[in-house]
Amino acid sequence: MKKRMMTTAFAVTAVASTVMATNLVVAPAQAAPARGAALAGKTIFLDPGHQASAGGRSLNAQVPDGRGGKKDCQTTGATGVNGAREHTVNWQISQLVKAGLESQGARVVLSRPDDRGWGGCVDERAAAASRSGAAVAVSLHADSTSRGADSAKKGFHMIVPSLPIPDPTVNRVQSGEGRKASNVMRDSFLAAGFPSANYAGVSNGIQTRPDIAAVNLTKVPAVFIEMGNLSNPAEAAALAGRDGQLKYAMAITDGILKYVNGSAATGAAPAPSVPPADDASGLSVVIPFVQQLLATEEPEAVVQLLATQGQDVSAQVLKAMLTILYGLFDGKLPIG
């Protein structure tokens, strides 16, 4: 198994700058999930945090915070020291994760339809996640610690709610499966080589807060990710670059696969009825090769990759993400 994943990873290393250099065009297309796909029959809710504009509404409108108080409806998010907009970073990485999850048979529900306009207040997104009946709801964010460069503060963290939460159903779900899902995601980020945040009281990749509506209001297991610090120049570059975004997306997809395929049955997340198509830990094995993936010059290998259906999770997820990745960055994929 491990040998096969390593072989797949090296085969995939041929995709990078050459893909951007070629002028051949292929329309984005998604391969049908393999039989017995790891997430067949599962729903995953993805919330790309924030949005591009108010869309004619008031971002300052006060909505429930899940603890008897009110908070602002929504914001447009942070801006990185490199000019990267958080709402766009969140959107782009969520598109890669969506493609990876769908390659494994998942039904993916998004909190907002695009990265241009209105995407809903925080309470509306939590309600949509609850209605979806998802096995897990994942909110993607990128932190910011200052208006200027802040090289000292770095790393990811998962935000979990202070307990108890007033709503008894939310309290039960988030104190149990929600915390489990957050821990699994934390472990996937660490396995991918991302450091735990060294600021804001984060302990081993976990920060506890009472003010996050997404986890105070959602009735399915919720994971709230701060992927990195946009004030840190190195992390801002990774969050905005295609190679960094692929690595973040692989870690998130790995965390979702591991949680859903290993979660105990709850009202929101039933245990898998079929075994996974392959060991989801294959994604963690592939992640160290992502930099090679995006720095080679063998376009014929891209053609071979697209023409041959991979048999393991790592190949399927990577193939699904690559089409989206180069579309996001105005690239073209060659096809034979």
C-alpha atoms as a PDB file:
ATOM      1  CA  MET A   1       0.000   0.000   0.000  1.00  0.00           C
ATOM      2  CA  LYS A   2       2.647   2.517   1.055  1.00  0.00           C
ATOM      3  CA  LYS A   3       4.820   1.566  -1.910  1.00  0.00           C
ATOM      4  CA  ARG A   4       1.900   2.146  -4.272  1.00  0.00           C
ATOM      5  CA  MET A   5       1.206   5.567  -2.751  1.00  0.00           C
ATOM      6  CA  MET A   6       4.872   6.522  -3.099  1.00  0.00           C
ATOM      7  CA  THR A   7       4.792   5.441  -6.748  1.00  0.00           C
ATOM      8  CA  THR A   8       1.645   7.468  -7.317  1.00  0.00           C
ATOM      9  CA  ALA A   9       3.213  10.494  -5.683  1.00  0.00           C
ATOM     10  CA  PHE A  10       6.311  10.348  -7.861  1.00  0.00           C
ATOM     11  CA  ALA A  11       4.173   9.912 -10.969  1.00  0.00           C
ATOM     12  CA  VAL A  12       2.192  12.971 -10.008  1.00  0.00           C
ATOM     13  CA  THR A  13       5.353  15.045  -9.499  1.00  0.00           C
ATOM     14  CA  ALA A  14       5.359  15.788 -13.186  1.00  0.00           C
ATOM     15  CA  VAL A  15       2.606  18.327 -13.173  1.00  0.00           C
ATOM     16  CA  ALA A  16       3.684  21.834 -12.250  1.00  0.00           C
ATOM     17  CA  SER A  17       5.195  24.699 -14.108  1.00  0.00           C
ATOM     18  CA  THR A  18       4.937  22.775 -17.357  1.00  0.00           C
ATOM     19  CA  VAL A  19       1.175  22.725 -16.991  1.00  0.00           C
ATOM     20  CA  MET A  20       1.247  26.486 -16.757  1.00  0.00           C
ATOM     21  CA  ALA A  21       3.588  26.692 -19.754  1.00  0.00           C
ATOM     22  CA  THR A  22       1.550  24.601 -22.173  1.00  0.00           C
ATOM     23  CA  ASN A  23      -1.044  26.175 -24.491  1.00  0.00           C
ATOM     24  CA  LEU A  24      -3.199  23.080 -24.881  1.00  0.00           C
ATOM     25  CA  VAL A  25      -6.684  23.472 -23.444  1.00  0.00           C
ATOM     26  CA  VAL A  26      -8.962  21.062 -21.646  1.00  0.00           C
ATOM     27  CA  ALA A  27     -12.359  21.874 -20.214  1.00  0.00           C
ATOM     28  CA  PRO A  28     -12.600  21.133 -16.488  1.00  0.00           C
ATOM     29  CA  ALA A  29     -14.141  17.714 -16.025  1.00  0.00           C
ATOM     30  CA  GLN A  30     -14.529  15.568 -12.977  1.00  0.00           C
ATOM     31  CA  ALA A  31     -14.069  11.828 -13.115  1.00  0.00           C
ATOM     32  CA  ALA A  32     -16.835   9.713 -11.647  1.00  0.00           C
ATOM     33  CA  PRO A  33     -16.023   8.483  -8.126  1.00  0.00           C
ATOM     34  CA  ALA A  34     -14.550   5.013  -7.964  1.00  0.00           C
ATOM     35  CA  ARG A  35     -16.830   2.184  -6.923  1.00  0.00           C
ATOM     36  CA  GLY A  36     -16.871   1.890  -3.143  1.00  0.00           C
ATOM     37  CA  ALA A  37     -15.599   5.479  -2.816  1.00  0.00           C
ATOM     38  CA  ALA A  38     -14.604   6.429   0.722  1.00  0.00           C
ATOM     39  CA  LEU A  39     -17.302   9.106   1.115  1.00  0.00           C
ATOM     40  CA  ALA A  40     -20.126   7.588  -0.931  1.00  0.00           C
ATOM     41  CA  GLY A  41     -23.481   8.650   0.492  1.00  0.00           C
ATOM     42  CA  LYS A  42     -21.940  11.269   2.814  1.00  0.00           C
ATOM     43  CA  THR A  43     -22.654  15.003   2.846  1.00  0.00           C
ATOM     44  CA  ILE A  44     -19.900  17.462   3.749  1.00  0.00           C
ATOM     45  CA  PHE A  45     -20.638  21.149   4.413  1.00  0.00           C
ATOM     46  CA  LEU A  46     -17.876  23.618   3.497  1.00  0.00           C
ATOM     47  CA  ASP A  47     -17.962  27.237   4.641  1.00  0.00           C
ATOM     48  CA  PRO A  48     -15.385  29.429   2.878  1.00  0.00           C
ATOM     49  CA  GLY A  49     -15.290  32.149   5.540  1.00  0.00           C
ATOM     50  CA  HIS A  50     -16.296  35.762   4.815  1.00  0.00           C
ATOM     51  CA  GLN A  51     -17.267  37.188   1.416  1.00  0.00           C
ATOM     52  CA  ALA A  52     -16.246  39.817  -1.135  1.00  0.00           C
ATOM     53  CA  SER A  53     -18.898  42.452  -0.498  1.00  0.00           C
ATOM     54  CA  ALA A  54     -22.062  43.396   1.370  1.00  0.00           C
ATOM     55  CA  GLY A  55     -24.146  42.679  -1.721  1.00  0.00           C
ATOM     56  CA  GLY A  56     -26.461  45.581  -0.908  1.00  0.00           C
ATOM     57  CA  ARG A  57     -27.005  44.370   2.651  1.00  0.00           C
ATOM     58  CA  SER A  58     -25.587  45.531   5.968  1.00  0.00           C
ATOM     59  CA  LEU A  59     -22.554  43.618   7.175  1.00  0.00           C
ATOM     60  CA  ASN A  60     -23.043  45.291  10.552  1.00  0.00           C
ATOM     61  CA  ALA A  61     -26.578  43.955  11.038  1.00  0.00           C
ATOM     62  CA  GLN A  62     -26.769  42.214  14.406  1.00  0.00           C
ATOM     63  CA  VAL A  63     -27.490  38.477  14.393  1.00  0.00           C
ATOM     64  CA  PRO A  64     -27.559  35.795  17.137  1.00  0.00           C
ATOM     65  CA  ASP A  65     -24.162  34.625  18.398  1.00  0.00           C
ATOM     66  CA  GLY A  66     -25.456  31.393  19.945  1.00  0.00           C
ATOM     67  CA  ARG A  67     -24.924  32.560  23.507  1.00  0.00           C
ATOM     68  CA  GLY A  68     -27.819  34.959  23.952  1.00  0.00           C
ATOM     69  CA  GLY A  69     -25.944  37.908  22.493  1.00  0.00           C
ATOM     70  CA  LYS A  70     -25.513  39.513  19.090  1.00  0.00           C
ATOM     71  CA  LYS A  71     -22.645  39.996  16.667  1.00  0.00           C
ATOM     72  CA  ASP A  72     -22.039  41.468  13.216  1.00  0.00           C
ATOM     73  CA  CYS A  73     -23.711  39.610  10.372  1.00  0.00           C
ATOM     74  CA  GLN A  74     -20.514  39.133   8.363  1.00  0.00           C
ATOM     75  CA  THR A  75     -17.211  40.714   7.297  1.00  0.00           C
ATOM     76  CA  THR A  76     -15.070  40.672   4.167  1.00  0.00           C
ATOM     77  CA  GLY A  77     -12.183  39.192   6.144  1.00  0.00           C
ATOM     78  CA  ALA A  78      -8.539  40.097   6.518  1.00  0.00           C
ATOM     79  CA  THR A  79      -6.032  41.299   3.934  1.00  0.00           C
ATOM     80  CA  GLY A  80      -2.578  39.727   3.889  1.00  0.00           C
ATOM     81  CA  VAL A  81       0.688  41.621   3.873  1.00  0.00           C
ATOM     82  CA  ASN A  82       0.989  40.505   0.243  1.00  0.00           C
ATOM     83  CA  GLY A  83      -2.457  41.890  -0.620  1.00  0.00           C
ATOM     84  CA  ALA A  84      -4.183  38.501  -0.581  1.00  0.00           C
ATOM     85  CA  ARG A  85      -7.813  38.764   0.465  1.00  0.00           C
ATOM     86  CA  GLU A  86      -8.894  36.229   3.053  1.00  0.00           C
ATOM     87  CA  HIS A  87     -12.295  35.640   1.481  1.00  0.00           C
ATOM     88  CA  THR A  88     -10.584  34.690  -1.803  1.00  0.00           C
ATOM     89  CA  VAL A  89      -8.007  32.442  -0.128  1.00  0.00           C
ATOM     90  CA  ASN A  90     -10.826  30.662   1.710  1.00  0.00           C
ATOM     91  CA  TRP A  91     -12.854  30.310  -1.477  1.00  0.00           C
ATOM     92  CA  GLN A  92      -9.999  28.958  -3.596  1.00  0.00           C
ATOM     93  CA  ILE A  93      -8.901  26.358  -1.057  1.00  0.00           C
ATOM     94  CA  SER A  94     -12.515  25.298  -0.503  1.00  0.00           C
ATOM     95  CA  GLN A  95     -12.839  24.624  -4.248  1.00  0.00           C
ATOM     96  CA  LEU A  96      -9.862  22.270  -4.121  1.00  0.00           C
ATOM     97  CA  VAL A  97     -11.258  20.496  -1.065  1.00  0.00           C
ATOM     98  CA  LYS A  98     -14.664  20.214  -2.739  1.00  0.00           C
ATOM     99  CA  ALA A  99     -13.116  18.569  -5.794  1.00  0.00           C
ATOM    100  CA  GLY A 100     -11.139  16.148  -3.643  1.00  0.00           C
ATOM    101  CA  LEU A 101     -14.176  15.180  -1.586  1.00  0.00           C
ATOM    102  CA  GLU A 102     -16.360  14.724  -4.647  1.00  0.00           C
ATOM    103  CA  SER A 103     -13.745  12.412  -6.139  1.00  0.00           C
ATOM    104  CA  GLN A 104     -14.492  10.180  -3.152  1.00  0.00           C
ATOM    105  CA  GLY A 105     -18.240  10.236  -3.703  1.00  0.00           C
ATOM    106  CA  ALA A 106     -19.216  12.991  -1.249  1.00  0.00           C
ATOM    107  CA  ARG A 107     -22.090  15.398  -1.739  1.00  0.00           C
ATOM    108  CA  VAL A 108     -20.558  18.805  -0.940  1.00  0.00           C
ATOM    109  CA  VAL A 109     -22.719  21.731   0.161  1.00  0.00           C
ATOM    110  CA  LEU A 110     -21.160  25.216   0.119  1.00  0.00           C
ATOM    111  CA  SER A 111     -22.197  28.095   2.354  1.00  0.00           C
ATOM    112  CA  ARG A 112     -21.824  30.627  -0.448  1.00  0.00           C
ATOM    113  CA  PRO A 113     -22.125  30.257  -4.225  1.00  0.00           C
ATOM    114  CA  ASP A 114     -19.124  32.304  -5.386  1.00  0.00           C
ATOM    115  CA  ASP A 115     -16.416  34.771  -4.352  1.00  0.00           C
ATOM    116  CA  ARG A 116     -18.060  37.871  -5.743  1.00  0.00           C
ATOM    117  CA  GLY A 117     -21.068  38.847  -3.689  1.00  0.00           C
ATOM    118  CA  TRP A 118     -23.377  37.953  -0.857  1.00  0.00           C
ATOM    119  CA  GLY A 119     -22.892  34.691   1.010  1.00  0.00           C
ATOM    120  CA  GLY A 120     -25.066  34.966   4.099  1.00  0.00           C
ATOM    121  CA  CYS A 121     -24.697  36.052   7.716  1.00  0.00           C
ATOM    122  CA  VAL A 122     -22.856  33.821  10.186  1.00  0.00           C
ATOM    123  CA  ASP A 123     -26.101  32.544  11.712  1.00  0.00           C
ATOM    124  CA  GLU A 124     -27.541  31.769   8.278  1.00  0.00           C
ATOM    125  CA  ARG A 125     -24.488  29.713   7.403  1.00  0.00           C
ATOM    126  CA  ALA A 126     -24.750  27.774  10.656  1.00  0.00           C
ATOM    127  CA  ALA A 127     -28.427  27.093   9.938  1.00  0.00           C
ATOM    128  CA  ALA A 128     -27.559  25.894   6.422  1.00  0.00           C
ATOM    129  CA  ALA A 129     -24.941  23.541   7.843  1.00  0.00           C
ATOM    130  CA  SER A 130     -27.473  22.133  10.302  1.00  0.00           C
ATOM    131  CA  ARG A 131     -30.100  21.649   7.578  1.00  0.00           C
ATOM    132  CA  SER A 132     -27.615  19.837   5.363  1.00  0.00           C
ATOM    133  CA  GLY A 133     -27.320  16.958   7.837  1.00  0.00           C
ATOM    134  CA  ALA A 134     -23.625  16.847   7.008  1.00  0.00           C
ATOM    135  CA  ALA A 135     -21.267  14.329   8.553  1.00  0.00           C
ATOM    136  CA  VAL A 136     -19.107  17.356   9.334  1.00  0.00           C
ATOM    137  CA  ALA A 137     -19.189  21.100   8.644  1.00  0.00           C
ATOM    138  CA  VAL A 138     -15.815  22.744   8.036  1.00  0.00           C
ATOM    139  CA  SER A 139     -15.257  26.515   8.112  1.00  0.00           C
ATOM    140  CA  LEU A 140     -12.103  27.731   6.374  1.00  0.00           C
ATOM    141  CA  HIS A 141     -10.416  30.926   7.570  1.00  0.00           C
ATOM    142  CA  ALA A 142      -7.017  32.617   7.554  1.00  0.00           C
ATOM    143  CA  ASP A 143      -5.986  34.639  10.598  1.00  0.00           C
ATOM    144  CA  SER A 144      -4.364  38.081  10.815  1.00  0.00           C
ATOM    145  CA  THR A 145      -2.450  39.403  13.822  1.00  0.00           C
ATOM    146  CA  SER A 146      -1.486  42.909  12.651  1.00  0.00           C
ATOM    147  CA  ARG A 147      -1.898  45.407   9.810  1.00  0.00           C
ATOM    148  CA  GLY A 148       1.794  45.139   9.013  1.00  0.00           C
ATOM    149  CA  ALA A 149       4.190  42.213   8.733  1.00  0.00           C
ATOM    150  CA  ASP A 150       4.344  39.955  11.781  1.00  0.00           C
ATOM    151  CA  SER A 151       6.953  37.281  11.119  1.00  0.00           C
ATOM    152  CA  ALA A 152       7.058  36.095  14.726  1.00  0.00           C
ATOM    153  CA  LYS A 153       3.499  34.783  14.841  1.00  0.00           C
ATOM    154  CA  LYS A 154       2.786  31.747  12.698  1.00  0.00           C
ATOM    155  CA  GLY A 155       0.886  28.504  12.474  1.00  0.00           C
ATOM    156  CA  PHE A 156      -2.614  27.035  12.181  1.00  0.00           C
ATOM    157  CA  HIS A 157      -5.226  26.415  14.849  1.00  0.00           C
ATOM    158  CA  MET A 158      -8.681  24.915  15.281  1.00  0.00           C
ATOM    159  CA  ILE A 159     -11.164  27.039  17.229  1.00  0.00           C
ATOM    160  CA  VAL A 160     -13.424  25.026  19.545  1.00  0.00           C
ATOM    161  CA  PRO A 161     -16.291  26.476  21.619  1.00  0.00           C
ATOM    162  CA  SER A 162     -16.215  27.221  25.326  1.00  0.00           C
ATOM    163  CA  LEU A 163     -18.539  24.781  27.065  1.00  0.00           C
ATOM    164  CA  PRO A 164     -21.345  24.526  27.838  1.00  0.00           C
ATOM    165  CA  ILE A 165     -23.156  25.973  24.841  1.00  0.00           C
ATOM    166  CA  PRO A 166     -26.724  27.147  25.695  1.00  0.00           C
ATOM    167  CA  ASP A 167     -28.472  25.063  23.029  1.00  0.00           C
ATOM    168  CA  PRO A 168     -28.472  21.485  24.410  1.00  0.00           C
ATOM    169  CA  THR A 169     -28.268  19.833  20.981  1.00  0.00           C
ATOM    170  CA  VAL A 170     -25.373  22.023  19.866  1.00  0.00           C
ATOM    171  CA  ASN A 171     -23.656  21.466  23.210  1.00  0.00           C
ATOM    172  CA  ARG A 172     -23.957  17.684  22.872  1.00  0.00           C
ATOM    173  CA  VAL A 173     -22.731  17.597  19.280  1.00  0.00           C
ATOM    174  CA  GLN A 174     -19.877  20.087  19.605  1.00  0.00           C
ATOM    175  CA  SER A 175     -18.605  18.784  22.945  1.00  0.00           C
ATOM    176  CA  GLY A 176     -18.517  15.270  21.509  1.00  0.00           C
ATOM    177  CA  GLU A 177     -18.185  14.687  17.772  1.00  0.00           C
ATOM    178  CA  GLY A 178     -17.343  18.332  17.058  1.00  0.00           C
ATOM    179  CA  ARG A 179     -14.311  18.231  19.326  1.00  0.00           C
ATOM    180  CA  LYS A 180     -13.318  14.839  17.946  1.00  0.00           C
ATOM    181  CA  ALA A 181     -13.475  16.171  14.384  1.00  0.00           C
ATOM    182  CA  SER A 182     -11.386  19.215  15.378  1.00  0.00           C
ATOM    183  CA  ASN A 183      -8.740  16.973  16.947  1.00  0.00           C
ATOM    184  CA  VAL A 184      -8.593  14.768  13.861  1.00  0.00           C
ATOM    185  CA  MET A 185      -8.208  17.829  11.637  1.00  0.00           C
ATOM    186  CA  ARG A 186      -5.490  19.202  13.915  1.00  0.00           C
ATOM    187  CA  ASP A 187      -3.608  15.921  13.607  1.00  0.00           C
ATOM    188  CA  SER A 188      -3.870  16.016   9.804  1.00  0.00           C
ATOM    189  CA  PHE A 189      -2.402  19.537   9.727  1.00  0.00           C
ATOM    190  CA  LEU A 190       0.479  18.428  11.944  1.00  0.00           C
ATOM    191  CA  ALA A 191       1.051  15.336   9.783  1.00  0.00           C
ATOM    192  CA  ALA A 192       1.213  17.594   6.727  1.00  0.00           C
ATOM    193  CA  GLY A 193       4.024  19.591   8.330  1.00  0.00           C
ATOM    194  CA  PHE A 194       2.067  22.695   9.323  1.00  0.00           C
ATOM    195  CA  PRO A 195       3.118  24.154  12.701  1.00  0.00           C
ATOM    196  CA  SER A 196       0.645  24.776  15.500  1.00  0.00           C
ATOM    197  CA  ALA A 197       0.063  28.487  16.103  1.00  0.00           C
ATOM    198  CA  ASN A 198       2.458  30.051  18.605  1.00  0.00           C
ATOM    199  CA  TYR A 199       0.135  32.884  19.677  1.00  0.00           C
ATOM    200  CA  ALA A 200      -3.330  33.729  21.062  1.00  0.00           C
ATOM    201  CA  GLY A 201      -3.237  31.056  23.739  1.00  0.00           C
ATOM    202  CA  VAL A 202      -3.296  28.204  21.237  1.00  0.00           C
ATOM    203  CA  SER A 203      -2.363  24.883  22.842  1.00  0.00           C
ATOM    204  CA  ASN A 204      -1.307  22.057  20.531  1.00  0.00           C
ATOM    205  CA  GLY A 205      -3.269  23.495  17.621  1.00  0.00           C
ATOM    206  CA  ILE A 206      -6.464  24.154  19.608  1.00  0.00           C
ATOM    207  CA  GLN A 207      -7.905  27.484  20.767  1.00  0.00           C
ATOM    208  CA  THR A 208     -11.043  27.692  22.937  1.00  0.00           C
ATOM    209  CA  ARG A 209     -13.343  30.703  22.398  1.00  0.00           C
ATOM    210  CA  PRO A 210     -16.957  31.579  23.258  1.00  0.00           C
ATOM    211  CA  ASP A 211     -17.624  34.030  20.396  1.00  0.00           C
ATOM    212  CA  ILE A 212     -17.620  31.929  17.205  1.00  0.00           C
ATOM    213  CA  ALA A 213     -21.187  31.619  15.922  1.00  0.00           C
ATOM    214  CA  ALA A 214     -20.273  28.810  13.524  1.00  0.00           C
ATOM    215  CA  VAL A 215     -19.613  26.440  16.425  1.00  0.00           C
ATOM    216  CA  ASN A 216     -22.144  27.976  18.845  1.00  0.00           C
ATOM    217  CA  LEU A 217     -25.087  27.457  16.477  1.00  0.00           C
ATOM    218  CA  THR A 218     -24.311  24.444  14.281  1.00  0.00           C
ATOM    219  CA  LYS A 219     -26.087  21.164  15.063  1.00  0.00           C
ATOM    220  CA  VAL A 220     -23.739  18.907  13.105  1.00  0.00           C
ATOM    221  CA  PRO A 221     -20.079  18.344  14.067  1.00  0.00           C
ATOM    222  CA  ALA A 222     -18.245  21.568  13.228  1.00  0.00           C
ATOM    223  CA  VAL A 223     -14.570  22.291  12.582  1.00  0.00           C
ATOM    224  CA  PHE A 224     -13.386  25.905  12.448  1.00  0.00           C
ATOM    225  CA  ILE A 225      -9.908  26.222  10.911  1.00  0.00           C
ATOM    226  CA  GLU A 226      -7.557  29.203  10.994  1.00  0.00           C
ATOM    227  CA  MET A 227      -5.187  27.858   8.343  1.00  0.00           C
ATOM    228  CA  GLY A 228      -2.373  30.329   8.938  1.00  0.00           C
ATOM    229  CA  ASN A 229      -1.478  33.961   9.623  1.00  0.00           C
ATOM    230  CA  LEU A 230      -1.844  36.380   6.714  1.00  0.00           C
ATOM    231  CA  SER A 231       0.306  38.863   8.623  1.00  0.00           C
ATOM    232  CA  ASN A 232       3.234  36.449   8.421  1.00  0.00           C
ATOM    233  CA  PRO A 233       4.888  36.994   4.994  1.00  0.00           C
ATOM    234  CA  ALA A 234       5.809  33.329   4.494  1.00  0.00           C
ATOM    235  CA  GLU A 235       2.364  32.041   5.441  1.00  0.00           C
ATOM    236  CA  ALA A 236       0.625  34.729   3.404  1.00  0.00           C
ATOM    237  CA  ALA A 237       2.606  33.589   0.364  1.00  0.00           C
ATOM    238  CA  ALA A 238       1.692  29.947   1.005  1.00  0.00           C
ATOM    239  CA  LEU A 239      -1.995  30.723   1.521  1.00  0.00           C
ATOM    240  CA  ALA A 240      -2.166  32.689  -1.740  1.00  0.00           C
ATOM    241  CA  GLY A 241       0.069  30.467  -3.912  1.00  0.00           C
ATOM    242  CA  ARG A 242      -1.062  27.442  -5.899  1.00  0.00           C
ATOM    243  CA  ASP A 243       1.452  25.077  -4.304  1.00  0.00           C
ATOM    244  CA  GLY A 244       0.559  26.207  -0.792  1.00  0.00           C
ATOM    245  CA  GLN A 245      -3.167  26.053  -1.475  1.00  0.00           C
ATOM    246  CA  LEU A 246      -2.863  22.489  -2.759  1.00  0.00           C
ATOM    247  CA  LYS A 247      -0.997  21.494   0.405  1.00  0.00           C
ATOM    248  CA  TYR A 248      -3.620  23.106   2.678  1.00  0.00           C
ATOM    249  CA  ALA A 249      -6.419  21.476   0.677  1.00  0.00           C
ATOM    250  CA  MET A 250      -4.780  18.057   0.920  1.00  0.00           C
ATOM    251  CA  ALA A 251      -4.476  18.382   4.700  1.00  0.00           C
ATOM    252  CA  ILE A 252      -8.117  19.443   5.068  1.00  0.00           C
ATOM    253  CA  THR A 253      -9.361  16.669   2.802  1.00  0.00           C
ATOM    254  CA  ASP A 254      -7.237  14.162   4.721  1.00  0.00           C
ATOM    255  CA  GLY A 255      -8.768  15.342   8.004  1.00  0.00           C
ATOM    256  CA  ILE A 256     -12.303  15.039   6.675  1.00  0.00           C
ATOM    257  CA  LEU A 257     -11.708  11.556   5.268  1.00  0.00           C
ATOM    258  CA  LYS A 258     -10.161  10.321   8.503  1.00  0.00           C
ATOM    259  CA  TYR A 259     -12.898  11.797  10.687  1.00  0.00           C
ATOM    260  CA  VAL A 260     -15.868  10.660   8.599  1.00  0.00           C
ATOM    261  CA  ASN A 261     -14.548   7.143   8.047  1.00  0.00           C
ATOM    262  CA  GLY A 262     -13.697   6.743  11.699  1.00  0.00           C
ATOM    263  CA  SER A 263     -16.531   8.632  13.402  1.00  0.00           C
ATOM    264  CA  ALA A 264     -18.985   6.909  15.703  1.00  0.00           C
ATOM    265  CA  ALA A 265     -22.647   7.070  14.780  1.00  0.00           C
ATOM    266  CA  THR A 266     -24.509  10.178  15.933  1.00  0.00           C
ATOM    267  CA  GLY A 267     -27.725  11.770  14.783  1.00  0.00           C
ATOM    268  CA  ALA A 268     -25.717  13.861  12.336  1.00  0.00           C
ATOM    269  CA  ALA A 269     -22.867  11.590  11.316  1.00  0.00           C
ATOM    270  CA  PRO A 270     -23.727   7.898  10.852  1.00  0.00           C
ATOM    271  CA  ALA A 271     -20.930   5.378  10.808  1.00  0.00           C
ATOM    272  CA  PRO A 272     -19.760   4.283   7.351  1.00  0.00           C
ATOM    273  CA  SER A 273     -21.730   1.363   5.957  1.00  0.00           C
ATOM    274  CA  VAL A 274     -19.004   0.383   3.479  1.00  0.00           C
ATOM    275  CA  PRO A 275     -15.246   0.219   3.931  1.00  0.00           C
ATOM    276  CA  PRO A 276     -13.221   3.063   2.382  1.00  0.00           C
ATOM    277  CA  ALA A 277     -11.830   2.524  -1.098  1.00  0.00           C
ATOM    278  CA  ASP A 278      -8.331   2.846   0.337  1.00  0.00           C
ATOM    279  CA  ASP A 279      -6.550   4.113   3.424  1.00  0.00           C
ATOM    280  CA  ALA A 280      -7.126   7.877   3.633  1.00  0.00           C
ATOM    281  CA  SER A 281      -3.742   8.271   5.288  1.00  0.00           C
ATOM    282  CA  GLY A 282      -2.386   8.092   1.735  1.00  0.00           C
ATOM    283  CA  LEU A 283      -2.993  11.833   1.483  1.00  0.00           C
ATOM    284  CA  SER A 284      -0.539  12.489   4.297  1.00  0.00           C
ATOM    285  CA  VAL A 285       2.066  10.405   2.471  1.00  0.00           C
ATOM    286  CA  VAL A 286       1.580  12.416  -0.723  1.00  0.00           C
ATOM    287  CA  ILE A 287       1.776  15.872   0.882  1.00  0.00           C
ATOM    288  CA  PRO A 288       5.611  15.962   1.118  1.00  0.00           C
ATOM    289  CA  PHE A 289       5.726  15.627  -2.672  1.00  0.00           C
ATOM    290  CA  VAL A 290       3.510  18.645  -3.346  1.00  0.00           C
ATOM    291  CA  GLN A 291       6.449  20.990  -3.885  1.00  0.00           C
ATOM    292  CA  GLN A 292       7.906  18.588  -6.464  1.00  0.00           C
ATOM    293  CA  LEU A 293       4.476  18.293  -8.021  1.00  0.00           C
ATOM    294  CA  LEU A 294       4.528  21.998  -8.789  1.00  0.00           C
ATOM    295  CA  ALA A 295       8.153  22.312  -9.948  1.00  0.00           C
ATOM    296  CA  THR A 296       8.740  19.857 -12.782  1.00  0.00           C
ATOM    297  CA  GLU A 297       8.846  20.102 -16.565  1.00  0.00           C
ATOM    298  CA  GLU A 298       7.382  16.930 -18.031  1.00  0.00           C
ATOM    299  CA  PRO A 299       3.988  17.750 -19.602  1.00  0.00           C
ATOM    300  CA  GLU A 300       3.610  14.234 -21.019  1.00  0.00           C
ATOM    301  CA  ALA A 301       3.297  12.973 -17.450  1.00  0.00           C
ATOM    302  CA  VAL A 302       0.275  15.235 -16.989  1.00  0.00           C
ATOM    303  CA  VAL A 303      -1.387  13.636 -19.985  1.00  0.00           C
ATOM    304  CA  GLN A 304      -0.688  10.184 -18.587  1.00  0.00           C
ATOM    305  CA  LEU A 305      -2.046  11.173 -15.183  1.00  0.00           C
ATOM    306  CA  LEU A 306      -5.294  12.488 -16.652  1.00  0.00           C
ATOM    307  CA  ALA A 307      -5.732   9.504 -18.960  1.00  0.00           C
ATOM    308  CA  THR A 308      -5.196   6.847 -16.284  1.00  0.00           C
ATOM    309  CA  GLN A 309      -7.693   6.425 -13.472  1.00  0.00           C
ATOM    310  CA  GLY A 310      -5.761   6.082 -10.238  1.00  0.00           C
ATOM    311  CA  GLN A 311      -6.681   3.205  -7.982  1.00  0.00           C
ATOM    312  CA  ASP A 312      -5.916   4.762  -4.617  1.00  0.00           C
ATOM    313  CA  VAL A 313      -7.338   7.714  -2.727  1.00  0.00           C
ATOM    314  CA  SER A 314      -4.229   9.847  -3.138  1.00  0.00           C
ATOM    315  CA  ALA A 315      -4.294   9.625  -6.940  1.00  0.00           C
ATOM    316  CA  GLN A 316      -8.034  10.250  -7.189  1.00  0.00           C
ATOM    317  CA  VAL A 317      -7.955  13.272  -4.899  1.00  0.00           C
ATOM    318  CA  LEU A 318      -4.900  14.819  -6.565  1.00  0.00           C
ATOM    319  CA  LYS A 319      -6.329  14.392 -10.049  1.00  0.00           C
ATOM    320  CA  ALA A 320      -9.589  16.029  -9.007  1.00  0.00           C
ATOM    321  CA  MET A 321      -7.809  18.949  -7.354  1.00  0.00           C
ATOM    322  CA  LEU A 322      -5.388  19.616 -10.206  1.00  0.00           C
ATOM    323  CA  THR A 323      -8.071  20.542 -12.729  1.00  0.00           C
ATOM    324  CA  ILE A 324      -9.530  23.055 -10.282  1.00  0.00           C
ATOM    325  CA  LEU A 325      -6.115  24.343  -9.210  1.00  0.00           C
ATOM    326  CA  TYR A 326      -4.983  25.396 -12.639  1.00  0.00           C
ATOM    327  CA  GLY A 327      -8.383  26.829 -13.455  1.00  0.00           C
ATOM    328  CA  LEU A 328      -8.153  29.060 -10.375  1.00  0.00           C
ATOM    329  CA  PHE A 329      -4.756  30.304 -11.489  1.00  0.00           C
ATOM    330  CA  ASP A 330      -5.716  30.735 -15.159  1.00  0.00           C
ATOM    331  CA  GLY A 331      -3.709  27.724 -16.247  1.00  0.00           C
ATOM    332  CA  LYS A 332      -4.365  25.118 -18.879  1.00  0.00           C
ATOM    333  CA  LEU A 333      -4.184  21.363 -18.520  1.00  0.00           C
ATOM    334  CA  PRO A 334      -2.894  19.380 -21.520  1.00  0.00           C
ATOM    335  CA  ILE A 335      -4.856  16.391 -22.671  1.00  0.00           C
ATOM    336  CA  GLY A 336      -3.988  13.502 -24.953  1.00  0.00           C
END
